[in-house]
Full PDB file with SEQRES, HELIX, SHEET, SSBOND, CRYST1, ORIGX, SCALE, CONECT and MASTER records, all heavy atoms in Angstrom:
SEQRES   1 A   43  ARG SER THR ALA ALA GLU GLU ALA ARG ALA ASP LEU ARG          
SEQRES   2 A   43  ARG ALA LEU ALA ALA GLY GLU PRO VAL GLY ASP ASP VAL          
SEQRES   3 A   43  VAL ASP ARG LEU VAL LEU PRO LEU VAL GLU LYS ALA VAL          
SEQRES   4 A   43  PRO GLU TRP ARG                                              
HELIX    1 AA1 THR A    3  ALA A   17  1                                  15    
HELIX    2 AA2 ASP A   24  TRP A   42  1                                  19    
CRYST1    1.000    1.000    1.000  90.00  90.00  90.00 P 1           1          
ORIGX1      1.000000  0.000000  0.000000        0.00000                         
ORIGX2      0.000000  1.000000  0.000000        0.00000                         
ORIGX3      0.000000  0.000000  1.000000        0.00000                         
SCALE1      1.000000  0.000000  0.000000        0.00000                         
SCALE2      0.000000  1.000000  0.000000        0.00000                         
SCALE3      0.000000  0.000000  1.000000        0.00000                         
ATOM      1  N   ARG A   1     -11.603  49.808-106.087  1.00  0.00           N  
ATOM      2  CA  ARG A   1     -12.564  48.759-106.306  1.00  0.00           C  
ATOM      3  C   ARG A   1     -11.843  47.447-106.711  1.00  0.00           C  
ATOM      4  O   ARG A   1     -10.783  47.448-107.294  1.00  0.00           O  
ATOM      5  CB  ARG A   1     -13.544  49.139-107.420  1.00  0.00           C  
ATOM      6  CG  ARG A   1     -14.441  50.324-107.082  1.00  0.00           C  
ATOM      7  CD  ARG A   1     -15.368  49.979-105.930  1.00  0.00           C  
ATOM      8  NE  ARG A   1     -16.396  50.977-105.751  1.00  0.00           N  
ATOM      9  CZ  ARG A   1     -16.283  52.022-104.858  1.00  0.00           C  
ATOM     10  NH1 ARG A   1     -15.164  52.135-104.161  1.00  0.00           N  
ATOM     11  NH2 ARG A   1     -17.251  52.875-104.750  1.00  0.00           N  
ATOM     12  N   SER A   2     -12.529  46.333-106.404  1.00  0.00           N  
ATOM     13  CA  SER A   2     -12.069  45.010-106.822  1.00  0.00           C  
ATOM     14  C   SER A   2     -12.966  44.538-107.966  1.00  0.00           C  
ATOM     15  O   SER A   2     -14.158  44.443-107.815  1.00  0.00           O  
ATOM     16  CB  SER A   2     -12.131  44.051-105.636  1.00  0.00           C  
ATOM     17  OG  SER A   2     -12.069  42.679-106.134  1.00  0.00           O  
ATOM     18  N   THR A   3     -12.340  44.251-109.123  1.00  0.00           N  
ATOM     19  CA  THR A   3     -13.142  43.761-110.258  1.00  0.00           C  
ATOM     20  C   THR A   3     -13.840  42.474-109.932  1.00  0.00           C  
ATOM     21  O   THR A   3     -15.006  42.287-110.264  1.00  0.00           O  
ATOM     22  CB  THR A   3     -12.202  43.564-111.488  1.00  0.00           C  
ATOM     23  OG1 THR A   3     -11.616  44.822-111.808  1.00  0.00           O  
ATOM     24  CG2 THR A   3     -12.981  43.075-112.676  1.00  0.00           C  
ATOM     25  N   ALA A   4     -13.146  41.551-109.211  1.00  0.00           N  
ATOM     26  CA  ALA A   4     -13.776  40.262-108.885  1.00  0.00           C  
ATOM     27  C   ALA A   4     -14.955  40.455-107.976  1.00  0.00           C  
ATOM     28  O   ALA A   4     -15.984  39.821-108.126  1.00  0.00           O  
ATOM     29  CB  ALA A   4     -12.700  39.404-108.214  1.00  0.00           C  
ATOM     30  N   ALA A   5     -14.842  41.403-107.014  1.00  0.00           N  
ATOM     31  CA  ALA A   5     -15.945  41.636-106.098  1.00  0.00           C  
ATOM     32  C   ALA A   5     -17.142  42.251-106.792  1.00  0.00           C  
ATOM     33  O   ALA A   5     -18.317  41.908-106.571  1.00  0.00           O  
ATOM     34  CB  ALA A   5     -15.508  42.539-104.936  1.00  0.00           C  
ATOM     35  N   GLU A   6     -16.850  43.181-107.735  1.00  0.00           N  
ATOM     36  CA  GLU A   6     -17.917  43.812-108.521  1.00  0.00           C  
ATOM     37  C   GLU A   6     -18.673  42.785-109.370  1.00  0.00           C  
ATOM     38  O   GLU A   6     -19.873  42.819-109.475  1.00  0.00           O  
ATOM     39  CB  GLU A   6     -17.398  44.938-109.399  1.00  0.00           C  
ATOM     40  CG  GLU A   6     -16.855  46.118-108.615  1.00  0.00           C  
ATOM     41  CD  GLU A   6     -17.887  46.810-107.824  1.00  0.00           C  
ATOM     42  OE1 GLU A   6     -19.046  46.920-108.275  1.00  0.00           O  
ATOM     43  OE2 GLU A   6     -17.629  47.232-106.651  1.00  0.00           O  
ATOM     44  N   GLU A   7     -17.926  41.853-109.934  1.00  0.00           N  
ATOM     45  CA  GLU A   7     -18.537  40.783-110.744  1.00  0.00           C  
ATOM     46  C   GLU A   7     -19.384  39.900-109.867  1.00  0.00           C  
ATOM     47  O   GLU A   7     -20.534  39.486-110.266  1.00  0.00           O  
ATOM     48  CB  GLU A   7     -17.476  39.993-111.471  1.00  0.00           C  
ATOM     49  CG  GLU A   7     -16.730  40.745-112.553  1.00  0.00           C  
ATOM     50  CD  GLU A   7     -15.588  39.973-113.174  1.00  0.00           C  
ATOM     51  OE1 GLU A   7     -15.251  38.874-112.615  1.00  0.00           O  
ATOM     52  OE2 GLU A   7     -15.049  40.417-114.188  1.00  0.00           O  
ATOM     53  N   ALA A   8     -18.875  39.522-108.704  1.00  0.00           N  
ATOM     54  CA  ALA A   8     -19.665  38.652-107.771  1.00  0.00           C  
ATOM     55  C   ALA A   8     -20.901  39.420-107.291  1.00  0.00           C  
ATOM     56  O   ALA A   8     -21.991  38.813-107.198  1.00  0.00           O  
ATOM     57  CB  ALA A   8     -18.820  38.271-106.588  1.00  0.00           C  
ATOM     58  N   ARG A   9     -20.797  40.716-107.024  1.00  0.00           N  
ATOM     59  CA  ARG A   9     -21.992  41.480-106.592  1.00  0.00           C  
ATOM     60  C   ARG A   9     -23.027  41.532-107.674  1.00  0.00           C  
ATOM     61  O   ARG A   9     -24.247  41.441-107.443  1.00  0.00           O  
ATOM     62  CB  ARG A   9     -21.492  42.862-106.191  1.00  0.00           C  
ATOM     63  CG  ARG A   9     -22.626  43.690-105.519  1.00  0.00           C  
ATOM     64  CD  ARG A   9     -22.090  45.030-104.927  1.00  0.00           C  
ATOM     65  NE  ARG A   9     -21.210  44.743-103.762  1.00  0.00           N  
ATOM     66  CZ  ARG A   9     -19.921  44.904-103.799  1.00  0.00           C  
ATOM     67  NH1 ARG A   9     -19.273  45.291-104.881  1.00  0.00           N  
ATOM     68  NH2 ARG A   9     -19.212  44.630-102.717  1.00  0.00           N  
ATOM     69  N   ALA A  10     -22.593  41.662-108.911  1.00  0.00           N  
ATOM     70  CA  ALA A  10     -23.530  41.703-110.049  1.00  0.00           C  
ATOM     71  C   ALA A  10     -24.232  40.367-110.173  1.00  0.00           C  
ATOM     72  O   ALA A  10     -25.446  40.276-110.442  1.00  0.00           O  
ATOM     73  CB  ALA A  10     -22.785  42.032-111.318  1.00  0.00           C  
ATOM     74  N   ASP A  11     -23.475  39.270-109.988  1.00  0.00           N  
ATOM     75  CA  ASP A  11     -24.120  37.918-110.057  1.00  0.00           C  
ATOM     76  C   ASP A  11     -25.147  37.735-108.931  1.00  0.00           C  
ATOM     77  O   ASP A  11     -26.224  37.121-109.120  1.00  0.00           O  
ATOM     78  CB  ASP A  11     -23.046  36.841-109.933  1.00  0.00           C  
ATOM     79  CG  ASP A  11     -22.161  36.772-111.180  1.00  0.00           C  
ATOM     80  OD1 ASP A  11     -22.582  37.250-112.243  1.00  0.00           O  
ATOM     81  OD2 ASP A  11     -21.022  36.208-111.095  1.00  0.00           O  
ATOM     82  N   LEU A  12     -24.819  38.267-107.747  1.00  0.00           N  
ATOM     83  CA  LEU A  12     -25.765  38.207-106.619  1.00  0.00           C  
ATOM     84  C   LEU A  12     -27.064  38.971-106.935  1.00  0.00           C  
ATOM     85  O   LEU A  12     -28.152  38.442-106.729  1.00  0.00           O  
ATOM     86  CB  LEU A  12     -25.067  38.826-105.383  1.00  0.00           C  
ATOM     87  CG  LEU A  12     -25.985  38.968-104.122  1.00  0.00           C  
ATOM     88  CD1 LEU A  12     -26.431  37.594-103.572  1.00  0.00           C  
ATOM     89  CD2 LEU A  12     -25.274  39.807-103.042  1.00  0.00           C  
ATOM     90  N   ARG A  13     -26.900  40.151-107.487  1.00  0.00           N  
ATOM     91  CA  ARG A  13     -28.083  40.962-107.768  1.00  0.00           C  
ATOM     92  C   ARG A  13     -28.929  40.305-108.884  1.00  0.00           C  
ATOM     93  O   ARG A  13     -30.152  40.357-108.807  1.00  0.00           O  
ATOM     94  CB  ARG A  13     -27.648  42.364-108.219  1.00  0.00           C  
ATOM     95  CG  ARG A  13     -27.078  43.222-107.092  1.00  0.00           C  
ATOM     96  CD  ARG A  13     -26.422  44.476-107.574  1.00  0.00           C  
ATOM     97  NE  ARG A  13     -25.971  45.344-106.489  1.00  0.00           N  
ATOM     98  CZ  ARG A  13     -25.102  46.300-106.621  1.00  0.00           C  
ATOM     99  NH1 ARG A  13     -24.574  46.569-107.817  1.00  0.00           N  
ATOM    100  NH2 ARG A  13     -24.746  46.991-105.575  1.00  0.00           N  
ATOM    101  N   ARG A  14     -28.259  39.701-109.844  1.00  0.00           N  
ATOM    102  CA  ARG A  14     -29.041  39.002-110.895  1.00  0.00           C  
ATOM    103  C   ARG A  14     -29.852  37.851-110.302  1.00  0.00           C  
ATOM    104  O   ARG A  14     -31.031  37.682-110.707  1.00  0.00           O  
ATOM    105  CB  ARG A  14     -28.064  38.519-111.989  1.00  0.00           C  
ATOM    106  CG  ARG A  14     -27.714  39.547-113.047  1.00  0.00           C  
ATOM    107  CD  ARG A  14     -27.048  38.933-114.214  1.00  0.00           C  
ATOM    108  NE  ARG A  14     -25.733  38.382-113.877  1.00  0.00           N  
ATOM    109  CZ  ARG A  14     -24.606  39.066-113.992  1.00  0.00           C  
ATOM    110  NH1 ARG A  14     -24.609  40.366-114.405  1.00  0.00           N  
ATOM    111  NH2 ARG A  14     -23.422  38.542-113.679  1.00  0.00           N  
ATOM    112  N   ALA A  15     -29.234  37.078-109.429  1.00  0.00           N  
ATOM    113  CA  ALA A  15     -29.950  35.980-108.835  1.00  0.00           C  
ATOM    114  C   ALA A  15     -31.122  36.445-107.996  1.00  0.00           C  
ATOM    115  O   ALA A  15     -32.229  35.916-108.073  1.00  0.00           O  
ATOM    116  CB  ALA A  15     -28.986  35.147-107.981  1.00  0.00           C  
ATOM    117  N   LEU A  16     -30.957  37.530-107.221  1.00  0.00           N  
ATOM    118  CA  LEU A  16     -32.030  38.035-106.392  1.00  0.00           C  
ATOM    119  C   LEU A  16     -33.175  38.588-107.278  1.00  0.00           C  
ATOM    120  O   LEU A  16     -34.350  38.368-107.022  1.00  0.00           O  
ATOM    121  CB  LEU A  16     -31.505  39.096-105.455  1.00  0.00           C  
ATOM    122  CG  LEU A  16     -30.559  38.624-104.343  1.00  0.00           C  
ATOM    123  CD1 LEU A  16     -30.033  39.795-103.557  1.00  0.00           C  
ATOM    124  CD2 LEU A  16     -31.275  37.649-103.428  1.00  0.00           C  
ATOM    125  N   ALA A  17     -32.781  39.312-108.329  1.00  0.00           N  
ATOM    126  CA  ALA A  17     -33.808  39.879-109.211  1.00  0.00           C  
ATOM    127  C   ALA A  17     -34.629  38.806-109.909  1.00  0.00           C  
ATOM    128  O   ALA A  17     -35.804  39.008-110.179  1.00  0.00           O  
ATOM    129  CB  ALA A  17     -33.110  40.774-110.216  1.00  0.00           C  
ATOM    130  N   ALA A  18     -33.964  37.662-110.207  1.00  0.00           N  
ATOM    131  CA  ALA A  18     -34.674  36.603-110.882  1.00  0.00           C  
ATOM    132  C   ALA A  18     -35.392  35.664-109.946  1.00  0.00           C  
ATOM    133  O   ALA A  18     -36.078  34.728-110.393  1.00  0.00           O  
ATOM    134  CB  ALA A  18     -33.680  35.789-111.748  1.00  0.00           C  
ATOM    135  N   GLY A  19     -35.268  35.905-108.616  1.00  0.00           N  
ATOM    136  CA  GLY A  19     -35.894  35.062-107.660  1.00  0.00           C  
ATOM    137  C   GLY A  19     -35.222  33.693-107.551  1.00  0.00           C  
ATOM    138  O   GLY A  19     -35.853  32.717-107.135  1.00  0.00           O  
ATOM    139  N   GLU A  20     -33.930  33.603-107.903  1.00  0.00           N  
ATOM    140  CA  GLU A  20     -33.198  32.355-107.934  1.00  0.00           C  
ATOM    141  C   GLU A  20     -32.353  32.198-106.703  1.00  0.00           C  
ATOM    142  O   GLU A  20     -31.994  33.218-106.040  1.00  0.00           O  
ATOM    143  CB  GLU A  20     -32.291  32.275-109.170  1.00  0.00           C  
ATOM    144  CG  GLU A  20     -33.041  32.322-110.496  1.00  0.00           C  
ATOM    145  CD  GLU A  20     -32.089  32.475-111.659  1.00  0.00           C  
ATOM    146  OE1 GLU A  20     -30.878  32.653-111.414  1.00  0.00           O  
ATOM    147  OE2 GLU A  20     -32.547  32.366-112.824  1.00  0.00           O  
ATOM    148  N   PRO A  21     -32.053  30.974-106.273  1.00  0.00           N  
ATOM    149  CA  PRO A  21     -31.128  30.816-105.147  1.00  0.00           C  
ATOM    150  C   PRO A  21     -29.765  31.417-105.442  1.00  0.00           C  
ATOM    151  O   PRO A  21     -29.288  31.359-106.587  1.00  0.00           O  
ATOM    152  CB  PRO A  21     -31.024  29.275-104.959  1.00  0.00           C  
ATOM    153  CG  PRO A  21     -32.246  28.746-105.687  1.00  0.00           C  
ATOM    154  CD  PRO A  21     -32.531  29.691-106.821  1.00  0.00           C  
ATOM    155  N   VAL A  22     -29.158  31.994-104.421  1.00  0.00           N  
ATOM    156  CA  VAL A  22     -27.821  32.556-104.571  1.00  0.00           C  
ATOM    157  C   VAL A  22     -26.801  31.442-104.337  1.00  0.00           C  
ATOM    158  O   VAL A  22     -26.757  30.811-103.272  1.00  0.00           O  
ATOM    159  CB  VAL A  22     -27.569  33.690-103.585  1.00  0.00           C  
ATOM    160  CG1 VAL A  22     -26.148  34.214-103.711  1.00  0.00           C  
ATOM    161  CG2 VAL A  22     -28.594  34.836-103.817  1.00  0.00           C  
ATOM    162  N   GLY A  23     -26.008  31.131-105.352  1.00  0.00           N  
ATOM    163  CA  GLY A  23     -25.069  30.010-105.227  1.00  0.00           C  
ATOM    164  C   GLY A  23     -23.935  30.224-104.284  1.00  0.00           C  
ATOM    165  O   GLY A  23     -23.523  31.388-104.019  1.00  0.00           O  
ATOM    166  N   ASP A  24     -23.447  29.159-103.661  1.00  0.00           N  
ATOM    167  CA  ASP A  24     -22.339  29.291-102.699  1.00  0.00           C  
ATOM    168  C   ASP A  24     -21.134  29.932-103.360  1.00  0.00           C  
ATOM    169  O   ASP A  24     -20.380  30.630-102.696  1.00  0.00           O  
ATOM    170  CB  ASP A  24     -21.970  27.872-102.153  1.00  0.00           C  
ATOM    171  CG  ASP A  24     -23.044  27.344-101.218  1.00  0.00           C  
ATOM    172  OD1 ASP A  24     -23.923  28.125-100.788  1.00  0.00           O  
ATOM    173  OD2 ASP A  24     -23.027  26.122-100.923  1.00  0.00           O  
ATOM    174  N   ASP A  25     -20.901  29.635-104.614  1.00  0.00           N  
ATOM    175  CA  ASP A  25     -19.732  30.155-105.312  1.00  0.00           C  
ATOM    176  C   ASP A  25     -19.801  31.709-105.333  1.00  0.00           C  
ATOM    177  O   ASP A  25     -18.797  32.397-105.152  1.00  0.00           O  
ATOM    178  CB  ASP A  25     -19.653  29.604-106.719  1.00  0.00           C  
ATOM    179  CG  ASP A  25     -18.545  30.306-107.548  1.00  0.00           C  
ATOM    180  OD1 ASP A  25     -17.394  30.096-107.211  1.00  0.00           O  
ATOM    181  OD2 ASP A  25     -18.887  31.030-108.484  1.00  0.00           O  
ATOM    182  N   VAL A  26     -21.002  32.250-105.599  1.00  0.00           N  
ATOM    183  CA  VAL A  26     -21.179  33.707-105.655  1.00  0.00           C  
ATOM    184  C   VAL A  26     -20.862  34.301-104.267  1.00  0.00           C  
ATOM    185  O   VAL A  26     -20.156  35.292-104.162  1.00  0.00           O  
ATOM    186  CB  VAL A  26     -22.619  34.070-106.083  1.00  0.00           C  
ATOM    187  CG1 VAL A  26     -22.841  35.578-105.974  1.00  0.00           C  
ATOM    188  CG2 VAL A  26     -22.846  33.583-107.514  1.00  0.00           C  
ATOM    189  N   VAL A  27     -21.416  33.698-103.210  1.00  0.00           N  
ATOM    190  CA  VAL A  27     -21.202  34.212-101.869  1.00  0.00           C  
ATOM    191  C   VAL A  27     -19.711  34.113-101.498  1.00  0.00           C  
ATOM    192  O   VAL A  27     -19.158  35.075-100.948  1.00  0.00           O  
ATOM    193  CB  VAL A  27     -22.030  33.425-100.861  1.00  0.00           C  
ATOM    194  CG1 VAL A  27     -21.738  33.863 -99.414  1.00  0.00           C  
ATOM    195  CG2 VAL A  27     -23.518  33.546-101.175  1.00  0.00           C  
ATOM    196  N   ASP A  28     -19.075  33.027-101.837  1.00  0.00           N  
ATOM    197  CA  ASP A  28     -17.656  32.874-101.530  1.00  0.00           C  
ATOM    198  C   ASP A  28     -16.818  34.002-102.233  1.00  0.00           C  
ATOM    199  O   ASP A  28     -15.957  34.571-101.608  1.00  0.00           O  
ATOM    200  CB  ASP A  28     -17.149  31.513-101.940  1.00  0.00           C  
ATOM    201  CG  ASP A  28     -17.645  30.379-101.055  1.00  0.00           C  
ATOM    202  OD1 ASP A  28     -18.307  30.688-100.015  1.00  0.00           O  
ATOM    203  OD2 ASP A  28     -17.446  29.213-101.408  1.00  0.00           O  
ATOM    204  N   ARG A  29     -17.109  34.174-103.520  1.00  0.00           N  
ATOM    205  CA  ARG A  29     -16.327  35.144-104.257  1.00  0.00           C  
ATOM    206  C   ARG A  29     -16.549  36.570-103.773  1.00  0.00           C  
ATOM    207  O   ARG A  29     -15.629  37.429-103.836  1.00  0.00           O  
ATOM    208  CB  ARG A  29     -16.700  35.082-105.741  1.00  0.00           C  
ATOM    209  CG  ARG A  29     -16.202  33.841-106.455  1.00  0.00           C  
ATOM    210  CD  ARG A  29     -16.407  33.911-107.957  1.00  0.00           C  
ATOM    211  NE  ARG A  29     -17.779  33.797-108.358  1.00  0.00           N  
ATOM    212  CZ  ARG A  29     -18.494  34.695-108.978  1.00  0.00           C  
ATOM    213  NH1 ARG A  29     -17.933  35.864-109.279  1.00  0.00           N  
ATOM    214  NH2 ARG A  29     -19.749  34.493-109.315  1.00  0.00           N  
ATOM    215  N   LEU A  30     -17.704  36.859-103.254  1.00  0.00           N  
ATOM    216  CA  LEU A  30     -18.032  38.191-102.789  1.00  0.00           C  
ATOM    217  C   LEU A  30     -17.510  38.433-101.351  1.00  0.00           C  
ATOM    218  O   LEU A  30     -16.978  39.499-101.058  1.00  0.00           O  
ATOM    219  CB  LEU A  30     -19.545  38.433-102.848  1.00  0.00           C  
ATOM    220  CG  LEU A  30     -20.015  39.818-102.354  1.00  0.00           C  
ATOM    221  CD1 LEU A  30     -19.463  40.912-103.173  1.00  0.00           C  
ATOM    222  CD2 LEU A  30     -21.556  39.840-102.364  1.00  0.00           C  
ATOM    223  N   VAL A  31     -17.734  37.463-100.499  1.00  0.00           N  
ATOM    224  CA  VAL A  31     -17.556  37.706 -99.021  1.00  0.00           C  
ATOM    225  C   VAL A  31     -16.172  37.318 -98.530  1.00  0.00           C  
ATOM    226  O   VAL A  31     -15.553  38.058 -97.733  1.00  0.00           O  
ATOM    227  CB  VAL A  31     -18.660  36.994 -98.245  1.00  0.00           C  
ATOM    228  CG1 VAL A  31     -18.432  37.200 -96.744  1.00  0.00           C  
ATOM    229  CG2 VAL A  31     -20.012  37.479 -98.658  1.00  0.00           C  
ATOM    230  N   LEU A  32     -15.677  36.155 -98.943  1.00  0.00           N  
ATOM    231  CA  LEU A  32     -14.402  35.683 -98.393  1.00  0.00           C  
ATOM    232  C   LEU A  32     -13.265  36.615 -98.589  1.00  0.00           C  
ATOM    233  O   LEU A  32     -12.496  36.917 -97.630  1.00  0.00           O  
ATOM    234  CB  LEU A  32     -14.067  34.288 -98.901  1.00  0.00           C  
ATOM    235  CG  LEU A  32     -14.947  33.132 -98.431  1.00  0.00           C  
ATOM    236  CD1 LEU A  32     -14.598  31.830 -99.109  1.00  0.00           C  
ATOM    237  CD2 LEU A  32     -14.852  32.997 -96.883  1.00  0.00           C  
ATOM    238  N   PRO A  33     -13.004  37.184 -99.763  1.00  0.00           N  
ATOM    239  CA  PRO A  33     -11.919  38.127 -99.915  1.00  0.00           C  
ATOM    240  C   PRO A  33     -12.096  39.406 -99.067  1.00  0.00           C  
ATOM    241  O   PRO A  33     -11.122  39.976 -98.564  1.00  0.00           O  
ATOM    242  CB  PRO A  33     -11.940  38.475-101.398  1.00  0.00           C  
ATOM    243  CG  PRO A  33     -12.608  37.344-102.080  1.00  0.00           C  
ATOM    244  CD  PRO A  33     -13.665  36.888-101.099  1.00  0.00           C  
ATOM    245  N   LEU A  34     -13.379  39.817 -98.908  1.00  0.00           N  
ATOM    246  CA  LEU A  34     -13.655  40.994 -98.084  1.00  0.00           C  
ATOM    247  C   LEU A  34     -13.269  40.712 -96.604  1.00  0.00           C  
ATOM    248  O   LEU A  34     -12.632  41.528 -95.975  1.00  0.00           O  
ATOM    249  CB  LEU A  34     -15.132  41.322 -98.151  1.00  0.00           C  
ATOM    250  CG  LEU A  34     -15.609  42.460 -97.267  1.00  0.00           C  
ATOM    251  CD1 LEU A  34     -14.957  43.757 -97.663  1.00  0.00           C  
ATOM    252  CD2 LEU A  34     -17.113  42.592 -97.319  1.00  0.00           C  
ATOM    253  N   VAL A  35     -13.628  39.553 -96.096  1.00  0.00           N  
ATOM    254  CA  VAL A  35     -13.302  39.188 -94.763  1.00  0.00           C  
ATOM    255  C   VAL A  35     -11.797  39.088 -94.537  1.00  0.00           C  
ATOM    256  O   VAL A  35     -11.260  39.625 -93.565  1.00  0.00           O  
ATOM    257  CB  VAL A  35     -13.971  37.840 -94.351  1.00  0.00           C  
ATOM    258  CG1 VAL A  35     -13.465  37.326 -93.004  1.00  0.00           C  
ATOM    259  CG2 VAL A  35     -15.480  37.984 -94.332  1.00  0.00           C  
ATOM    260  N   GLU A  36     -11.098  38.476 -95.513  1.00  0.00           N  
ATOM    261  CA  GLU A  36      -9.651  38.307 -95.394  1.00  0.00           C  
ATOM    262  C   GLU A  36      -8.951  39.666 -95.330  1.00  0.00           C  
ATOM    263  O   GLU A  36      -7.922  39.829 -94.669  1.00  0.00           O  
ATOM    264  CB  GLU A  36      -9.125  37.491 -96.568  1.00  0.00           C  
ATOM    265  CG  GLU A  36      -9.608  36.076 -96.618  1.00  0.00           C  
ATOM    266  CD  GLU A  36      -9.039  35.225 -95.472  1.00  0.00           C  
ATOM    267  OE1 GLU A  36      -8.011  35.620 -94.877  1.00  0.00           O  
ATOM    268  OE2 GLU A  36      -9.674  34.198 -95.135  1.00  0.00           O  
ATOM    269  N   LYS A  37      -9.476  40.685 -96.002  1.00  0.00           N  
ATOM    270  CA  LYS A  37      -8.803  41.974 -96.032  1.00  0.00           C  
ATOM    271  C   LYS A  37      -9.307  42.888 -94.901  1.00  0.00           C  
ATOM    272  O   LYS A  37      -8.531  43.595 -94.290  1.00  0.00           O  
ATOM    273  CB  LYS A  37      -9.020  42.686 -97.348  1.00  0.00           C  
ATOM    274  CG  LYS A  37      -8.182  43.927 -97.529  1.00  0.00           C  
ATOM    275  CD  LYS A  37      -8.195  44.407 -98.979  1.00  0.00           C  
ATOM    276  CE  LYS A  37      -7.273  45.591 -99.151  1.00  0.00           C  
ATOM    277  NZ  LYS A  37      -7.209  46.069-100.528  1.00  0.00           N  
ATOM    278  N   ALA A  38     -10.600  42.842 -94.624  1.00  0.00           N  
ATOM    279  CA  ALA A  38     -11.154  43.773 -93.635  1.00  0.00           C  
ATOM    280  C   ALA A  38     -10.781  43.471 -92.200  1.00  0.00           C  
ATOM    281  O   ALA A  38     -10.535  44.371 -91.430  1.00  0.00           O  
ATOM    282  CB  ALA A  38     -12.682  43.813 -93.761  1.00  0.00           C  
ATOM    283  N   VAL A  39     -10.730  42.193 -91.826  1.00  0.00           N  
ATOM    284  CA  VAL A  39     -10.511  41.824 -90.409  1.00  0.00           C  
ATOM    285  C   VAL A  39      -9.109  42.312 -89.958  1.00  0.00           C  
ATOM    286  O   VAL A  39      -9.019  42.914 -88.882  1.00  0.00           O  
ATOM    287  CB  VAL A  39     -10.699  40.312 -90.228  1.00  0.00           C  
ATOM    288  CG1 VAL A  39     -10.166  39.884 -88.868  1.00  0.00           C  
ATOM    289  CG2 VAL A  39     -12.194  39.965 -90.326  1.00  0.00           C  
ATOM    290  N   PRO A  40      -8.076  42.083 -90.696  1.00  0.00           N  
ATOM    291  CA  PRO A  40      -6.754  42.696 -90.253  1.00  0.00           C  
ATOM    292  C   PRO A  40      -6.825  44.215 -90.105  1.00  0.00           C  
ATOM    293  O   PRO A  40      -6.149  44.777 -89.243  1.00  0.00           O  
ATOM    294  CB  PRO A  40      -5.786  42.223 -91.340  1.00  0.00           C  
ATOM    295  CG  PRO A  40      -6.377  41.014 -91.892  1.00  0.00           C  
ATOM    296  CD  PRO A  40      -7.865  41.264 -91.897  1.00  0.00           C  
ATOM    297  N   GLU A  41      -7.595  44.884 -90.948  1.00  0.00           N  
ATOM    298  CA  GLU A  41      -7.692  46.331 -90.836  1.00  0.00           C  
ATOM    299  C   GLU A  41      -8.451  46.744 -89.577  1.00  0.00           C  
ATOM    300  O   GLU A  41      -8.066  47.721 -88.892  1.00  0.00           O  
ATOM    301  CB  GLU A  41      -8.411  46.886 -92.100  1.00  0.00           C  
ATOM    302  CG  GLU A  41      -7.578  46.740 -93.325  1.00  0.00           C  
ATOM    303  CD  GLU A  41      -8.252  47.162 -94.608  1.00  0.00           C  
ATOM    304  OE1 GLU A  41      -9.495  47.466 -94.557  1.00  0.00           O  
ATOM    305  OE2 GLU A  41      -7.611  47.236 -95.681  1.00  0.00           O  
ATOM    306  N   TRP A  42      -9.497  46.014 -89.243  1.00  0.00           N  
ATOM    307  CA  TRP A  42     -10.167  46.275 -87.953  1.00  0.00           C  
ATOM    308  C   TRP A  42      -9.270  46.081 -86.752  1.00  0.00           C  
ATOM    309  O   TRP A  42      -9.280  46.828 -85.792  1.00  0.00           O  
ATOM    310  CB  TRP A  42     -11.437  45.400 -87.820  1.00  0.00           C  
ATOM    311  CG  TRP A  42     -12.662  45.894 -88.527  1.00  0.00           C  
ATOM    312  CD1 TRP A  42     -13.223  45.403 -89.668  1.00  0.00           C  
ATOM    313  CD2 TRP A  42     -13.479  46.998 -88.145  1.00  0.00           C  
ATOM    314  NE1 TRP A  42     -14.366  46.097 -89.986  1.00  0.00           N  
ATOM    315  CE2 TRP A  42     -14.553  47.093 -89.094  1.00  0.00           C  
ATOM    316  CE3 TRP A  42     -13.418  47.915 -87.073  1.00  0.00           C  
ATOM    317  CZ2 TRP A  42     -15.520  48.065 -88.973  1.00  0.00           C  
ATOM    318  CZ3 TRP A  42     -14.418  48.906 -86.998  1.00  0.00           C  
ATOM    319  CH2 TRP A  42     -15.452  48.931 -87.964  1.00  0.00           C  
ATOM    320  N   ARG A  43      -8.448  45.018 -86.846  1.00  0.00           N  
ATOM    321  CA  ARG A  43      -7.544  44.740 -85.721  1.00  0.00           C  
ATOM    322  C   ARG A  43      -6.429  45.825 -85.627  1.00  0.00           C  
ATOM    323  O   ARG A  43      -6.033  46.202 -84.543  1.00  0.00           O  
ATOM    324  CB  ARG A  43      -6.900  43.383 -85.891  1.00  0.00           C  
ATOM    325  CG  ARG A  43      -7.912  42.232 -85.960  1.00  0.00           C  
ATOM    326  CD  ARG A  43      -7.293  40.888 -85.930  1.00  0.00           C  
ATOM    327  NE  ARG A  43      -6.787  40.531 -84.655  1.00  0.00           N  
ATOM    328  CZ  ARG A  43      -6.066  39.425 -84.399  1.00  0.00           C  
ATOM    329  NH1 ARG A  43      -5.744  38.594 -85.354  1.00  0.00           N  
ATOM    330  NH2 ARG A  43      -5.675  39.166 -83.159  1.00  0.00           N  
TER     331      ARG A  43                                                      
MASTER        0    0    0    2    0    0    0    6  330    1    0    4          
END                                                                             
């Protein structure tokens, strides 16, 4: 597990549960590192 990803995922869930907009910072922290690591693995 990635601690940073788990924290970003928790922030995402909190925003959705509260009916708040999901901030770009949260999306970046959750998705960008995943893309950077996963795409070379798929290739």
